[in-house]
Amino acid sequence: MAKSNRNFNYKPRFQDDAAKDNNANIKTEWQNLKHSRSRKKSFLSSPLFLVLFLITVLIIMYVLSQYE
């Protein structure tokens, strides 16, 4: 009589918990990154402000050059 091969269904004790925690950790990290990027934006570093500042400087230079 030949013995049949045994199949073991071994599942680590904390496998499901680690996967759930890992997915939750990734989601919280993504939320933190999204919020940190939105907080770093300021009006002074926006392209609109930089263009307006450049135009203002050019106008001031033009007006001051008229006094020479």
N, C-alpha and C. Protein backbone atom coordinates (compact mmCIF):
# COMPACT_ATOMS: atom_id res chain seq x y z
N MET A 1 0.83 -1.18 0.00
CA MET A 1 0.00 0.00 0.00
C MET A 1 0.87 1.25 0.00
N ALA A 2 0.60 2.09 -0.91
CA ALA A 2 1.36 3.34 -1.00
C ALA A 2 0.61 4.44 -0.27
N LYS A 3 1.38 5.22 0.45
CA LYS A 3 0.76 6.35 1.15
C LYS A 3 0.52 7.49 0.17
N SER A 4 -0.57 8.18 0.34
CA SER A 4 -0.84 9.34 -0.51
C SER A 4 -0.06 10.55 0.00
N ASN A 5 0.24 11.43 -0.92
CA ASN A 5 0.97 12.64 -0.54
C ASN A 5 0.09 13.52 0.33
N ARG A 6 0.70 14.07 1.36
CA ARG A 6 -0.04 14.95 2.26
C ARG A 6 0.03 16.39 1.77
N ASN A 7 -1.07 17.05 1.78
CA ASN A 7 -1.12 18.47 1.43
C ASN A 7 -1.35 19.27 2.70
N PHE A 8 -0.45 20.17 2.96
CA PHE A 8 -0.59 21.01 4.14
C PHE A 8 -1.09 22.38 3.71
N ASN A 9 -2.11 22.82 4.36
CA ASN A 9 -2.63 24.17 4.12
C ASN A 9 -2.17 25.07 5.25
N TYR A 10 -0.88 25.36 5.26
CA TYR A 10 -0.31 26.18 6.31
C TYR A 10 -0.54 27.65 6.00
N LYS A 11 -1.08 28.33 6.97
CA LYS A 11 -1.32 29.76 6.83
C LYS A 11 -0.70 30.44 8.04
N PRO A 12 0.20 31.39 7.82
CA PRO A 12 0.81 32.07 8.96
C PRO A 12 -0.24 32.74 9.84
N ARG A 13 0.07 32.85 11.10
CA ARG A 13 -0.88 33.35 12.08
C ARG A 13 -1.31 34.79 11.80
N PHE A 14 -0.37 35.63 11.40
CA PHE A 14 -0.66 37.05 11.26
C PHE A 14 -0.69 37.51 9.81
N GLN A 15 -0.91 36.63 8.89
CA GLN A 15 -0.88 36.98 7.48
C GLN A 15 -2.00 37.96 7.12
N ASP A 16 -3.23 37.70 7.53
CA ASP A 16 -4.34 38.58 7.19
C ASP A 16 -4.20 39.94 7.87
N ASP A 17 -3.79 39.96 9.12
CA ASP A 17 -3.65 41.21 9.83
C ASP A 17 -2.61 42.11 9.18
N ALA A 18 -1.50 41.53 8.75
CA ALA A 18 -0.43 42.31 8.14
C ALA A 18 -0.90 42.91 6.81
N ALA A 19 -1.65 42.15 6.05
CA ALA A 19 -2.14 42.64 4.76
C ALA A 19 -3.11 43.79 4.97
N LYS A 20 -4.00 43.66 5.94
CA LYS A 20 -4.97 44.74 6.21
C LYS A 20 -4.26 45.98 6.72
N ASP A 21 -3.32 45.79 7.63
CA ASP A 21 -2.58 46.93 8.16
C ASP A 21 -1.75 47.60 7.07
N ASN A 22 -1.18 46.79 6.20
CA ASN A 22 -0.35 47.32 5.13
C ASN A 22 -1.19 48.17 4.19
N ASN A 23 -2.38 47.68 3.80
CA ASN A 23 -3.25 48.45 2.92
C ASN A 23 -3.72 49.73 3.60
N ALA A 24 -4.06 49.64 4.87
CA ALA A 24 -4.49 50.83 5.61
C ALA A 24 -3.34 51.82 5.72
N ASN A 25 -2.13 51.31 5.93
CA ASN A 25 -0.96 52.17 6.04
C ASN A 25 -0.70 52.89 4.73
N ILE A 26 -0.84 52.21 3.61
CA ILE A 26 -0.63 52.82 2.30
C ILE A 26 -1.67 53.90 2.07
N LYS A 27 -2.92 53.64 2.45
CA LYS A 27 -3.97 54.64 2.26
C LYS A 27 -3.72 55.88 3.10
N THR A 28 -3.31 55.70 4.35
CA THR A 28 -3.04 56.86 5.20
C THR A 28 -1.83 57.64 4.69
N GLU A 29 -0.80 56.93 4.21
CA GLU A 29 0.37 57.63 3.66
C GLU A 29 -0.03 58.44 2.44
N TRP A 30 -0.89 57.88 1.58
CA TRP A 30 -1.34 58.59 0.38
C TRP A 30 -2.14 59.84 0.76
N GLN A 31 -3.01 59.71 1.75
CA GLN A 31 -3.78 60.87 2.21
C GLN A 31 -2.86 61.94 2.77
N ASN A 32 -1.85 61.54 3.53
CA ASN A 32 -0.91 62.52 4.08
C ASN A 32 -0.15 63.24 2.98
N LEU A 33 0.26 62.50 1.95
CA LEU A 33 0.97 63.13 0.84
C LEU A 33 0.08 64.11 0.08
N LYS A 34 -1.18 63.73 -0.11
CA LYS A 34 -2.10 64.63 -0.81
C LYS A 34 -2.30 65.91 -0.02
N HIS A 35 -2.46 65.79 1.29
CA HIS A 35 -2.68 66.98 2.11
C HIS A 35 -1.42 67.82 2.22
N SER A 36 -0.27 67.20 2.28
CA SER A 36 0.97 67.97 2.42
C SER A 36 1.26 68.76 1.15
N ARG A 37 0.93 68.20 -0.02
CA ARG A 37 1.15 68.93 -1.26
C ARG A 37 0.21 70.14 -1.36
N SER A 38 -1.01 69.99 -0.92
CA SER A 38 -1.95 71.10 -1.03
C SER A 38 -1.63 72.20 -0.03
N ARG A 39 -1.03 71.87 1.10
CA ARG A 39 -0.67 72.88 2.08
C ARG A 39 0.55 73.69 1.67
N LYS A 40 1.44 73.11 0.88
CA LYS A 40 2.67 73.80 0.51
C LYS A 40 2.44 74.88 -0.55
N LYS A 41 1.34 74.83 -1.25
CA LYS A 41 1.07 75.83 -2.26
C LYS A 41 0.76 77.16 -1.58
N SER A 42 1.37 78.19 -2.07
CA SER A 42 1.07 79.52 -1.56
C SER A 42 0.91 80.47 -2.74
N PHE A 43 0.32 81.61 -2.48
CA PHE A 43 0.09 82.58 -3.54
C PHE A 43 1.40 83.14 -4.06
N LEU A 44 2.40 83.27 -3.19
CA LEU A 44 3.67 83.86 -3.60
C LEU A 44 4.44 82.97 -4.57
N SER A 45 4.21 81.69 -4.56
CA SER A 45 4.92 80.81 -5.47
C SER A 45 4.08 80.40 -6.68
N SER A 46 2.91 80.98 -6.82
CA SER A 46 2.06 80.63 -7.95
C SER A 46 2.55 81.34 -9.22
N PRO A 47 2.35 80.74 -10.35
CA PRO A 47 2.79 81.37 -11.61
C PRO A 47 2.08 82.70 -11.88
N LEU A 48 0.83 82.81 -11.49
CA LEU A 48 0.09 84.06 -11.69
C LEU A 48 0.77 85.21 -10.94
N PHE A 49 1.14 84.97 -9.70
CA PHE A 49 1.80 86.01 -8.92
C PHE A 49 3.15 86.37 -9.53
N LEU A 50 3.89 85.40 -9.98
CA LEU A 50 5.21 85.67 -10.56
C LEU A 50 5.08 86.50 -11.84
N VAL A 51 4.09 86.23 -12.65
CA VAL A 51 3.87 87.01 -13.87
C VAL A 51 3.46 88.43 -13.51
N LEU A 52 2.55 88.57 -12.56
CA LEU A 52 2.13 89.91 -12.14
C LEU A 52 3.29 90.69 -11.54
N PHE A 53 4.13 90.03 -10.78
CA PHE A 53 5.30 90.69 -10.19
C PHE A 53 6.26 91.15 -11.28
N LEU A 54 6.47 90.33 -12.29
CA LEU A 54 7.34 90.69 -13.40
C LEU A 54 6.79 91.89 -14.16
N ILE A 55 5.51 91.89 -14.42
CA ILE A 55 4.88 93.02 -15.11
C ILE A 55 5.01 94.29 -14.28
N THR A 56 4.81 94.18 -12.97
CA THR A 56 4.94 95.34 -12.08
C THR A 56 6.36 95.89 -12.10
N VAL A 57 7.34 95.02 -12.07
CA VAL A 57 8.74 95.46 -12.10
C VAL A 57 9.05 96.15 -13.42
N LEU A 58 8.56 95.62 -14.52
CA LEU A 58 8.79 96.26 -15.81
C LEU A 58 8.13 97.63 -15.90
N ILE A 59 6.94 97.75 -15.35
CA ILE A 59 6.25 99.05 -15.35
C ILE A 59 7.02 100.04 -14.49
N ILE A 60 7.48 99.61 -13.34
CA ILE A 60 8.25 100.51 -12.46
C ILE A 60 9.55 100.93 -13.14
N MET A 61 10.20 100.01 -13.83
CA MET A 61 11.43 100.37 -14.54
C MET A 61 11.15 101.38 -15.65
N TYR A 62 10.05 101.21 -16.36
CA TYR A 62 9.68 102.14 -17.42
C TYR A 62 9.39 103.52 -16.86
N VAL A 63 8.64 103.57 -15.76
CA VAL A 63 8.29 104.87 -15.16
C VAL A 63 9.55 105.55 -14.62
N LEU A 64 10.41 104.82 -13.99
CA LEU A 64 11.63 105.42 -13.45
C LEU A 64 12.61 105.86 -14.56
N SER A 65 12.58 105.19 -15.68
CA SER A 65 13.46 105.58 -16.78
C SER A 65 13.01 106.91 -17.41
N GLN A 66 11.77 107.28 -17.23
CA GLN A 66 11.27 108.55 -17.76
C GLN A 66 11.83 109.74 -17.02
N TYR A 67 12.31 109.55 -15.79
CA TYR A 67 12.82 110.64 -14.98
C TYR A 67 14.29 110.96 -15.28
N GLU A 68 14.95 110.19 -16.09
CA GLU A 68 16.37 110.44 -16.37
C GLU A 68 16.57 111.60 -17.31
